[in-house]
PDB file of all heavy atoms in Angstrom:
ATOM      1  N   SER A   1       0.816  -1.216   0.000  1.00  0.00           N
ATOM      2  CA  SER A   1       0.000   0.000   0.000  1.00  0.00           C
ATOM      3  C   SER A   1       0.852   1.270   0.000  1.00  0.00           C
ATOM      4  O   SER A   1       0.379   2.343  -0.391  1.00  0.00           O
ATOM      5  CB  SER A   1      -0.939   0.025   1.212  1.00  0.00           C
ATOM      6  OG  SER A   1      -0.198  -0.045   2.418  1.00  0.00           O
ATOM      7  N   ASN A   2       2.121   1.154   0.407  1.00  0.00           N
ATOM      8  CA  ASN A   2       3.019   2.312   0.382  1.00  0.00           C
ATOM      9  C   ASN A   2       3.182   2.875  -1.029  1.00  0.00           C
ATOM     10  O   ASN A   2       3.529   4.041  -1.202  1.00  0.00           O
ATOM     11  CB  ASN A   2       4.407   1.942   0.918  1.00  0.00           C
ATOM     12  CG  ASN A   2       4.426   1.517   2.375  1.00  0.00           C
ATOM     13  OD1 ASN A   2       5.428   1.044   2.859  1.00  0.00           O
ATOM     14  ND2 ASN A   2       3.315   1.658   3.074  1.00  0.00           N
ATOM     15  N   PHE A   3       2.938   2.025  -2.019  1.00  0.00           N
ATOM     16  CA  PHE A   3       3.168   2.408  -3.409  1.00  0.00           C
ATOM     17  C   PHE A   3       1.868   2.595  -4.187  1.00  0.00           C
ATOM     18  O   PHE A   3       1.880   2.569  -5.422  1.00  0.00           O
ATOM     19  CB  PHE A   3       4.027   1.342  -4.097  1.00  0.00           C
ATOM     20  CG  PHE A   3       5.416   1.210  -3.532  1.00  0.00           C
ATOM     21  CD1 PHE A   3       5.708   0.222  -2.610  1.00  0.00           C
ATOM     22  CD2 PHE A   3       6.430   2.074  -3.916  1.00  0.00           C
ATOM     23  CE1 PHE A   3       6.990   0.095  -2.084  1.00  0.00           C
ATOM     24  CE2 PHE A   3       7.699   1.962  -3.398  1.00  0.00           C
ATOM     25  CZ  PHE A   3       7.989   0.969  -2.473  1.00  0.00           C
ATOM     26  N   SER A   4       0.767   2.790  -3.504  1.00  0.00           N
ATOM     27  CA  SER A   4      -0.529   2.855  -4.182  1.00  0.00           C
ATOM     28  C   SER A   4      -0.583   3.992  -5.202  1.00  0.00           C
ATOM     29  O   SER A   4      -1.059   3.811  -6.333  1.00  0.00           O
ATOM     30  CB  SER A   4      -1.669   2.984  -3.164  1.00  0.00           C
ATOM     31  OG  SER A   4      -1.479   4.105  -2.330  1.00  0.00           O
ATOM     32  N   ASP A   5      -0.078   5.182  -4.837  1.00  0.00           N
ATOM     33  CA  ASP A   5      -0.093   6.307  -5.777  1.00  0.00           C
ATOM     34  C   ASP A   5       0.837   6.050  -6.962  1.00  0.00           C
ATOM     35  O   ASP A   5       0.510   6.384  -8.103  1.00  0.00           O
ATOM     36  CB  ASP A   5       0.304   7.603  -5.065  1.00  0.00           C
ATOM     37  CG  ASP A   5      -0.775   8.097  -4.113  1.00  0.00           C
ATOM     38  OD1 ASP A   5      -1.814   8.563  -4.603  1.00  0.00           O
ATOM     39  OD2 ASP A   5      -0.578   8.019  -2.894  1.00  0.00           O
ATOM     40  N   LEU A   6       1.978   5.459  -6.685  1.00  0.00           N
ATOM     41  CA  LEU A   6       2.930   5.143  -7.744  1.00  0.00           C
ATOM     42  C   LEU A   6       2.339   4.123  -8.716  1.00  0.00           C
ATOM     43  O   LEU A   6       2.438   4.283  -9.936  1.00  0.00           O
ATOM     44  CB  LEU A   6       4.232   4.615  -7.131  1.00  0.00           C
ATOM     45  CG  LEU A   6       5.364   4.266  -8.098  1.00  0.00           C
ATOM     46  CD1 LEU A   6       6.712   4.521  -7.439  1.00  0.00           C
ATOM     47  CD2 LEU A   6       5.297   2.809  -8.557  1.00  0.00           C
ATOM     48  N   ILE A   7       1.741   3.075  -8.179  1.00  0.00           N
ATOM     49  CA  ILE A   7       1.144   2.040  -9.036  1.00  0.00           C
ATOM     50  C   ILE A   7       0.072   2.637  -9.931  1.00  0.00           C
ATOM     51  O   ILE A   7       0.033   2.394 -11.149  1.00  0.00           O
ATOM     52  CB  ILE A   7       0.568   0.893  -8.187  1.00  0.00           C
ATOM     53  CG1 ILE A   7       1.694   0.155  -7.452  1.00  0.00           C
ATOM     54  CG2 ILE A   7      -0.218  -0.086  -9.065  1.00  0.00           C
ATOM     55  CD1 ILE A   7       1.214  -0.829  -6.404  1.00  0.00           C
ATOM     56  N   GLU A   8      -0.795   3.440  -9.341  1.00  0.00           N
ATOM     57  CA  GLU A   8      -1.884   4.036 -10.105  1.00  0.00           C
ATOM     58  C   GLU A   8      -1.350   4.958 -11.202  1.00  0.00           C
ATOM     59  O   GLU A   8      -1.885   4.986 -12.319  1.00  0.00           O
ATOM     60  CB  GLU A   8      -2.823   4.810  -9.179  1.00  0.00           C
ATOM     61  CG  GLU A   8      -4.050   5.384  -9.870  1.00  0.00           C
ATOM     62  CD  GLU A   8      -4.900   4.336 -10.561  1.00  0.00           C
ATOM     63  OE1 GLU A   8      -4.949   3.176 -10.086  1.00  0.00           O
ATOM     64  OE2 GLU A   8      -5.504   4.663 -11.597  1.00  0.00           O
ATOM     65  N   HIS A   9      -0.273   5.675 -10.909  1.00  0.00           N
ATOM     66  CA  HIS A   9       0.282   6.630 -11.872  1.00  0.00           C
ATOM     67  C   HIS A   9       0.992   5.924 -13.026  1.00  0.00           C
ATOM     68  O   HIS A   9       0.834   6.315 -14.194  1.00  0.00           O
ATOM     69  CB  HIS A   9       1.257   7.572 -11.166  1.00  0.00           C
ATOM     70  CG  HIS A   9       1.836   8.628 -12.052  1.00  0.00           C
ATOM     71  ND1 HIS A   9       1.215   9.840 -12.277  1.00  0.00           N
ATOM     72  CD2 HIS A   9       2.986   8.664 -12.790  1.00  0.00           C
ATOM     73  CE1 HIS A   9       1.943  10.571 -13.101  1.00  0.00           C
ATOM     74  NE2 HIS A   9       3.029   9.880 -13.428  1.00  0.00           N
ATOM     75  N   PHE A  10       1.781   4.886 -12.711  1.00  0.00           N
ATOM     76  CA  PHE A  10       2.668   4.307 -13.714  1.00  0.00           C
ATOM     77  C   PHE A  10       2.106   3.081 -14.425  1.00  0.00           C
ATOM     78  O   PHE A  10       2.685   2.646 -15.432  1.00  0.00           O
ATOM     79  CB  PHE A  10       4.027   3.968 -13.083  1.00  0.00           C
ATOM     80  CG  PHE A  10       4.884   5.181 -12.824  1.00  0.00           C
ATOM     81  CD1 PHE A  10       4.909   5.767 -11.570  1.00  0.00           C
ATOM     82  CD2 PHE A  10       5.632   5.746 -13.841  1.00  0.00           C
ATOM     83  CE1 PHE A  10       5.687   6.895 -11.333  1.00  0.00           C
ATOM     84  CE2 PHE A  10       6.413   6.867 -13.614  1.00  0.00           C
ATOM     85  CZ  PHE A  10       6.442   7.448 -12.353  1.00  0.00           C
ATOM     86  N   ARG A  11       1.014   2.525 -13.950  1.00  0.00           N
ATOM     87  CA  ARG A  11       0.494   1.295 -14.566  1.00  0.00           C
ATOM     88  C   ARG A  11      -0.034   1.534 -15.984  1.00  0.00           C
ATOM     89  O   ARG A  11      -0.251   0.577 -16.732  1.00  0.00           O
ATOM     90  CB  ARG A  11      -0.614   0.689 -13.696  1.00  0.00           C
ATOM     91  CG  ARG A  11      -1.902   1.493 -13.632  1.00  0.00           C
ATOM     92  CD  ARG A  11      -2.874   0.868 -12.639  1.00  0.00           C
ATOM     93  NE  ARG A  11      -4.123   1.614 -12.547  1.00  0.00           N
ATOM     94  CZ  ARG A  11      -5.201   1.368 -13.295  1.00  0.00           C
ATOM     95  NH1 ARG A  11      -5.169   0.399 -14.196  1.00  0.00           N
ATOM     96  NH2 ARG A  11      -6.293   2.089 -13.163  1.00  0.00           N
ATOM     97  N   HIS A  12      -0.219   2.791 -16.370  1.00  0.00           N
ATOM     98  CA  HIS A  12      -0.706   3.103 -17.712  1.00  0.00           C
ATOM     99  C   HIS A  12       0.418   3.086 -18.755  1.00  0.00           C
ATOM    100  O   HIS A  12       0.145   3.040 -19.949  1.00  0.00           O
ATOM    101  CB  HIS A  12      -1.399   4.468 -17.717  1.00  0.00           C
ATOM    102  CG  HIS A  12      -2.522   4.567 -16.726  1.00  0.00           C
ATOM    103  ND1 HIS A  12      -3.714   3.896 -16.882  1.00  0.00           N
ATOM    104  CD2 HIS A  12      -2.621   5.229 -15.540  1.00  0.00           C
ATOM    105  CE1 HIS A  12      -4.508   4.160 -15.861  1.00  0.00           C
ATOM    106  NE2 HIS A  12      -3.871   4.963 -15.023  1.00  0.00           N
ATOM    107  N   LYS A  13       1.677   3.116 -18.282  1.00  0.00           N
ATOM    108  CA  LYS A  13       2.810   3.143 -19.213  1.00  0.00           C
ATOM    109  C   LYS A  13       3.813   2.006 -18.975  1.00  0.00           C
ATOM    110  O   LYS A  13       4.624   1.706 -19.856  1.00  0.00           O
ATOM    111  CB  LYS A  13       3.551   4.478 -19.097  1.00  0.00           C
ATOM    112  CG  LYS A  13       2.766   5.688 -19.570  1.00  0.00           C
ATOM    113  CD  LYS A  13       3.621   6.941 -19.492  1.00  0.00           C
ATOM    114  CE  LYS A  13       2.854   8.172 -19.977  1.00  0.00           C
ATOM    115  NZ  LYS A  13       3.689   9.402 -19.886  1.00  0.00           N
ATOM    116  N   TYR A  14       3.758   1.423 -17.793  1.00  0.00           N
ATOM    117  CA  TYR A  14       4.718   0.386 -17.430  1.00  0.00           C
ATOM    118  C   TYR A  14       3.991  -0.812 -16.828  1.00  0.00           C
ATOM    119  O   TYR A  14       2.836  -0.716 -16.422  1.00  0.00           O
ATOM    120  CB  TYR A  14       5.735   0.922 -16.399  1.00  0.00           C
ATOM    121  CG  TYR A  14       6.592   2.042 -16.921  1.00  0.00           C
ATOM    122  CD1 TYR A  14       6.153   3.368 -16.866  1.00  0.00           C
ATOM    123  CD2 TYR A  14       7.835   1.791 -17.489  1.00  0.00           C
ATOM    124  CE1 TYR A  14       6.931   4.408 -17.367  1.00  0.00           C
ATOM    125  CE2 TYR A  14       8.622   2.828 -17.984  1.00  0.00           C
ATOM    126  CZ  TYR A  14       8.161   4.131 -17.925  1.00  0.00           C
ATOM    127  OH  TYR A  14       8.935   5.149 -18.416  1.00  0.00           O
ATOM    128  N   LYS A  15       4.706  -1.925 -16.771  1.00  0.00           N
ATOM    129  CA  LYS A  15       4.206  -3.067 -16.011  1.00  0.00           C
ATOM    130  C   LYS A  15       4.745  -2.909 -14.591  1.00  0.00           C
ATOM    131  O   LYS A  15       5.930  -3.169 -14.329  1.00  0.00           O
ATOM    132  CB  LYS A  15       4.686  -4.390 -16.622  1.00  0.00           C
ATOM    133  CG  LYS A  15       4.216  -5.624 -15.851  1.00  0.00           C
ATOM    134  CD  LYS A  15       4.761  -6.903 -16.473  1.00  0.00           C
ATOM    135  CE  LYS A  15       4.062  -7.193 -17.788  1.00  0.00           C
ATOM    136  NZ  LYS A  15       4.513  -8.504 -18.347  1.00  0.00           N
ATOM    137  N   VAL A  16       3.901  -2.452 -13.693  1.00  0.00           N
ATOM    138  CA  VAL A  16       4.333  -2.210 -12.318  1.00  0.00           C
ATOM    139  C   VAL A  16       4.194  -3.509 -11.528  1.00  0.00           C
ATOM    140  O   VAL A  16       3.106  -4.092 -11.453  1.00  0.00           O
ATOM    141  CB  VAL A  16       3.511  -1.093 -11.648  1.00  0.00           C
ATOM    142  CG1 VAL A  16       4.077  -0.785 -10.269  1.00  0.00           C
ATOM    143  CG2 VAL A  16       3.527   0.177 -12.510  1.00  0.00           C
ATOM    144  N   VAL A  17       5.291  -3.945 -10.946  1.00  0.00           N
ATOM    145  CA  VAL A  17       5.344  -5.218 -10.229  1.00  0.00           C
ATOM    146  C   VAL A  17       5.776  -4.950  -8.797  1.00  0.00           C
ATOM    147  O   VAL A  17       6.793  -4.292  -8.559  1.00  0.00           O
ATOM    148  CB  VAL A  17       6.336  -6.194 -10.899  1.00  0.00           C
ATOM    149  CG1 VAL A  17       6.308  -7.544 -10.208  1.00  0.00           C
ATOM    150  CG2 VAL A  17       6.052  -6.339 -12.389  1.00  0.00           C
ATOM    151  N   ALA A  18       5.000  -5.445  -7.852  1.00  0.00           N
ATOM    152  CA  ALA A  18       5.293  -5.205  -6.431  1.00  0.00           C
ATOM    153  C   ALA A  18       5.182  -6.516  -5.661  1.00  0.00           C
ATOM    154  O   ALA A  18       4.082  -6.924  -5.281  1.00  0.00           O
ATOM    155  CB  ALA A  18       4.341  -4.163  -5.860  1.00  0.00           C
ATOM    156  N   PRO A  19       6.305  -7.211  -5.439  1.00  0.00           N
ATOM    157  CA  PRO A  19       6.247  -8.440  -4.655  1.00  0.00           C
ATOM    158  C   PRO A  19       6.068  -8.143  -3.170  1.00  0.00           C
ATOM    159  O   PRO A  19       6.573  -7.148  -2.654  1.00  0.00           O
ATOM    160  CB  PRO A  19       7.610  -9.089  -4.920  1.00  0.00           C
ATOM    161  CG  PRO A  19       8.518  -7.944  -5.236  1.00  0.00           C
ATOM    162  CD  PRO A  19       7.659  -6.912  -5.926  1.00  0.00           C
ATOM    163  N   LEU A  20       5.340  -9.008  -2.500  1.00  0.00           N
ATOM    164  CA  LEU A  20       5.193  -8.922  -1.052  1.00  0.00           C
ATOM    165  C   LEU A  20       6.379  -9.655  -0.439  1.00  0.00           C
ATOM    166  O   LEU A  20       6.482 -10.888  -0.529  1.00  0.00           O
ATOM    167  CB  LEU A  20       3.874  -9.566  -0.623  1.00  0.00           C
ATOM    168  CG  LEU A  20       3.491  -9.459   0.853  1.00  0.00           C
ATOM    169  CD1 LEU A  20       3.386  -8.002   1.281  1.00  0.00           C
ATOM    170  CD2 LEU A  20       2.174 -10.174   1.110  1.00  0.00           C
ATOM    171  N   LEU A  21       7.309  -8.896   0.132  1.00  0.00           N
ATOM    172  CA  LEU A  21       8.527  -9.510   0.672  1.00  0.00           C
ATOM    173  C   LEU A  21       8.206 -10.332   1.923  1.00  0.00           C
ATOM    174  O   LEU A  21       7.475  -9.876   2.802  1.00  0.00           O
ATOM    175  CB  LEU A  21       9.563  -8.435   1.002  1.00  0.00           C
ATOM    176  CG  LEU A  21      10.063  -7.612  -0.188  1.00  0.00           C
ATOM    177  CD1 LEU A  21      11.087  -6.576   0.277  1.00  0.00           C
ATOM    178  CD2 LEU A  21      10.661  -8.495  -1.274  1.00  0.00           C
ATOM    179  N   PRO A  22       8.773 -11.533   2.027  1.00  0.00           N
ATOM    180  CA  PRO A  22       8.459 -12.435   3.143  1.00  0.00           C
ATOM    181  C   PRO A  22       9.273 -12.099   4.393  1.00  0.00           C
ATOM    182  O   PRO A  22      10.078 -12.909   4.872  1.00  0.00           O
ATOM    183  CB  PRO A  22       8.840 -13.807   2.573  1.00  0.00           C
ATOM    184  CG  PRO A  22      10.002 -13.499   1.675  1.00  0.00           C
ATOM    185  CD  PRO A  22       9.717 -12.148   1.069  1.00  0.00           C
ATOM    186  N   LEU A  23       9.053 -10.907   4.940  1.00  0.00           N
ATOM    187  CA  LEU A  23       9.862 -10.441   6.069  1.00  0.00           C
ATOM    188  C   LEU A  23       9.767 -11.374   7.267  1.00  0.00           C
ATOM    189  O   LEU A  23      10.716 -11.506   8.042  1.00  0.00           O
ATOM    190  CB  LEU A  23       9.404  -9.035   6.478  1.00  0.00           C
ATOM    191  CG  LEU A  23       9.435  -7.960   5.393  1.00  0.00           C
ATOM    192  CD1 LEU A  23       8.924  -6.641   5.944  1.00  0.00           C
ATOM    193  CD2 LEU A  23      10.840  -7.792   4.822  1.00  0.00           C
ATOM    194  N   TYR A  24       8.617 -12.017   7.434  1.00  0.00           N
ATOM    195  CA  TYR A  24       8.391 -12.836   8.630  1.00  0.00           C
ATOM    196  C   TYR A  24       8.143 -14.305   8.289  1.00  0.00           C
ATOM    197  O   TYR A  24       7.766 -15.094   9.152  1.00  0.00           O
ATOM    198  CB  TYR A  24       7.207 -12.275   9.431  1.00  0.00           C
ATOM    199  CG  TYR A  24       7.323 -10.788   9.649  1.00  0.00           C
ATOM    200  CD1 TYR A  24       6.433  -9.903   9.044  1.00  0.00           C
ATOM    201  CD2 TYR A  24       8.351 -10.262  10.419  1.00  0.00           C
ATOM    202  CE1 TYR A  24       6.566  -8.529   9.222  1.00  0.00           C
ATOM    203  CE2 TYR A  24       8.497  -8.896  10.598  1.00  0.00           C
ATOM    204  CZ  TYR A  24       7.604  -8.029  10.001  1.00  0.00           C
ATOM    205  OH  TYR A  24       7.740  -6.680  10.173  1.00  0.00           O
ATOM    206  N   ASP A  25       8.360 -14.676   7.020  1.00  0.00           N
ATOM    207  CA  ASP A  25       8.056 -16.035   6.587  1.00  0.00           C
ATOM    208  C   ASP A  25       9.292 -16.892   6.338  1.00  0.00           C
ATOM    209  O   ASP A  25       9.195 -18.114   6.273  1.00  0.00           O
ATOM    210  CB  ASP A  25       7.203 -16.003   5.307  1.00  0.00           C
ATOM    211  CG  ASP A  25       5.879 -15.295   5.521  1.00  0.00           C
ATOM    212  OD1 ASP A  25       5.346 -15.373   6.643  1.00  0.00           O
ATOM    213  OD2 ASP A  25       5.388 -14.651   4.578  1.00  0.00           O
ATOM    214  N   LEU A  26      10.453 -16.258   6.148  1.00  0.00           N
ATOM    215  CA  LEU A  26      11.676 -17.021   5.957  1.00  0.00           C
ATOM    216  C   LEU A  26      12.140 -17.605   7.292  1.00  0.00           C
ATOM    217  O   LEU A  26      11.809 -17.071   8.355  1.00  0.00           O
ATOM    218  CB  LEU A  26      12.779 -16.129   5.387  1.00  0.00           C
ATOM    219  CG  LEU A  26      12.522 -15.498   4.006  1.00  0.00           C
ATOM    220  CD1 LEU A  26      13.661 -14.534   3.661  1.00  0.00           C
ATOM    221  CD2 LEU A  26      12.380 -16.560   2.940  1.00  0.00           C
ATOM    222  N   ASP A  27      12.903 -18.708   7.235  1.00  0.00           N
ATOM    223  CA  ASP A  27      13.477 -19.211   8.483  1.00  0.00           C
ATOM    224  C   ASP A  27      14.490 -18.200   8.982  1.00  0.00           C
ATOM    225  O   ASP A  27      14.985 -17.356   8.221  1.00  0.00           O
ATOM    226  CB  ASP A  27      14.107 -20.594   8.272  1.00  0.00           C
ATOM    227  CG  ASP A  27      15.289 -20.560   7.304  1.00  0.00           C
ATOM    228  OD1 ASP A  27      16.356 -20.034   7.679  1.00  0.00           O
ATOM    229  OD2 ASP A  27      15.133 -21.040   6.163  1.00  0.00           O
ATOM    230  N   ILE A  28      14.787 -18.255  10.254  1.00  0.00           N
ATOM    231  CA  ILE A  28      15.588 -17.213  10.882  1.00  0.00           C
ATOM    232  C   ILE A  28      16.979 -17.107  10.255  1.00  0.00           C
ATOM    233  O   ILE A  28      17.548 -16.017  10.171  1.00  0.00           O
ATOM    234  CB  ILE A  28      15.703 -17.449  12.424  1.00  0.00           C
ATOM    235  CG1 ILE A  28      16.288 -16.204  13.118  1.00  0.00           C
ATOM    236  CG2 ILE A  28      16.507 -18.694  12.721  1.00  0.00           C
ATOM    237  CD1 ILE A  28      15.400 -14.983  13.060  1.00  0.00           C
ATOM    238  N   PHE A  29      17.512 -18.212   9.757  1.00  0.00           N
ATOM    239  CA  PHE A  29      18.847 -18.207   9.137  1.00  0.00           C
ATOM    240  C   PHE A  29      18.852 -17.342   7.876  1.00  0.00           C
ATOM    241  O   PHE A  29      19.850 -16.692   7.570  1.00  0.00           O
ATOM    242  CB  PHE A  29      19.278 -19.640   8.801  1.00  0.00           C
ATOM    243  CG  PHE A  29      20.640 -19.727   8.174  1.00  0.00           C
ATOM    244  CD1 PHE A  29      21.788 -19.538   8.926  1.00  0.00           C
ATOM    245  CD2 PHE A  29      20.779 -19.979   6.808  1.00  0.00           C
ATOM    246  CE1 PHE A  29      23.051 -19.608   8.346  1.00  0.00           C
ATOM    247  CE2 PHE A  29      22.028 -20.050   6.212  1.00  0.00           C
ATOM    248  CZ  PHE A  29      23.165 -19.865   6.987  1.00  0.00           C
ATOM    249  N   HIS A  30      17.730 -17.336   7.149  1.00  0.00           N
ATOM    250  CA  HIS A  30      17.656 -16.578   5.896  1.00  0.00           C
ATOM    251  C   HIS A  30      16.934 -15.235   6.055  1.00  0.00           C
ATOM    252  O   HIS A  30      16.697 -14.544   5.069  1.00  0.00           O
ATOM    253  CB  HIS A  30      16.952 -17.415   4.823  1.00  0.00           C
ATOM    254  CG  HIS A  30      17.739 -18.617   4.387  1.00  0.00           C
ATOM    255  ND1 HIS A  30      17.482 -19.884   4.856  1.00  0.00           N
ATOM    256  CD2 HIS A  30      18.795 -18.718   3.545  1.00  0.00           C
ATOM    257  CE1 HIS A  30      18.338 -20.731   4.309  1.00  0.00           C
ATOM    258  NE2 HIS A  30      19.144 -20.055   3.515  1.00  0.00           N
ATOM    259  N   THR A  31      16.591 -14.875   7.286  1.00  0.00           N
ATOM    260  CA  THR A  31      15.923 -13.592   7.522  1.00  0.00           C
ATOM    261  C   THR A  31      16.979 -12.497   7.604  1.00  0.00           C
ATOM    262  O   THR A  31      17.312 -11.970   8.662  1.00  0.00           O
ATOM    263  CB  THR A  31      15.068 -13.660   8.807  1.00  0.00           C
ATOM    264  OG1 THR A  31      14.141 -14.750   8.685  1.00  0.00           O
ATOM    265  CG2 THR A  31      14.258 -12.377   8.990  1.00  0.00           C
ATOM    266  N   THR A  32      17.537 -12.197   6.432  1.00  0.00           N
ATOM    267  CA  THR A  32      18.602 -11.207   6.278  1.00  0.00           C
ATOM    268  C   THR A  32      18.364 -10.461   4.965  1.00  0.00           C
ATOM    269  O   THR A  32      17.549 -10.881   4.138  1.00  0.00           O
ATOM    270  CB  THR A  32      19.984 -11.881   6.216  1.00  0.00           C
ATOM    271  OG1 THR A  32      20.006 -12.745   5.056  1.00  0.00           O
ATOM    272  CG2 THR A  32      20.255 -12.728   7.465  1.00  0.00           C
ATOM    273  N   VAL A  33      19.095  -9.377   4.760  1.00  0.00           N
ATOM    274  CA  VAL A  33      18.965  -8.668   3.484  1.00  0.00           C
ATOM    275  C   VAL A  33      19.445  -9.555   2.334  1.00  0.00           C
ATOM    276  O   VAL A  33      18.883  -9.515   1.229  1.00  0.00           O
ATOM    277  CB  VAL A  33      19.719  -7.322   3.486  1.00  0.00           C
ATOM    278  CG1 VAL A  33      18.981  -6.289   4.308  1.00  0.00           C
ATOM    279  CG2 VAL A  33      21.153  -7.476   3.954  1.00  0.00           C
ATOM    280  N   VAL A  34      20.441 -10.391   2.581  1.00  0.00           N
ATOM    281  CA  VAL A  34      20.919 -11.318   1.548  1.00  0.00           C
ATOM    282  C   VAL A  34      19.847 -12.357   1.240  1.00  0.00           C
ATOM    283  O   VAL A  34      19.593 -12.679   0.070  1.00  0.00           O
ATOM    284  CB  VAL A  34      22.230 -11.999   1.991  1.00  0.00           C
ATOM    285  CG1 VAL A  34      22.627 -13.097   1.007  1.00  0.00           C
ATOM    286  CG2 VAL A  34      23.355 -10.966   2.106  1.00  0.00           C
ATOM    287  N   GLY A  35      19.181 -12.860   2.283  1.00  0.00           N
ATOM    288  CA  GLY A  35      18.096 -13.822   2.082  1.00  0.00           C
ATOM    289  C   GLY A  35      16.958 -13.222   1.276  1.00  0.00           C
ATOM    290  O   GLY A  35      16.383 -13.882   0.391  1.00  0.00           O
ATOM    291  N   LEU A  36      16.614 -11.967   1.556  1.00  0.00           N
ATOM    292  CA  LEU A  36      15.553 -11.298   0.803  1.00  0.00           C
ATOM    293  C   LEU A  36      15.980 -11.047  -0.641  1.00  0.00           C
ATOM    294  O   LEU A  36      15.157 -11.155  -1.565  1.00  0.00           O
ATOM    295  CB  LEU A  36      15.182  -9.976   1.471  1.00  0.00           C
ATOM    296  CG  LEU A  36      14.420 -10.082   2.799  1.00  0.00           C
ATOM    297  CD1 LEU A  36      14.215  -8.693   3.394  1.00  0.00           C
ATOM    298  CD2 LEU A  36      13.071 -10.772   2.612  1.00  0.00           C
TER     299      LEU A  36
END
């Protein structure tokens, strides 16, 4: 939702893609910026 205005603005000219990052779904070993 942080990008709602951006998505609405740019979806007419670009393919706007916004993955939901698994901040709390990875195992603790991979819960790092490298894991993401």
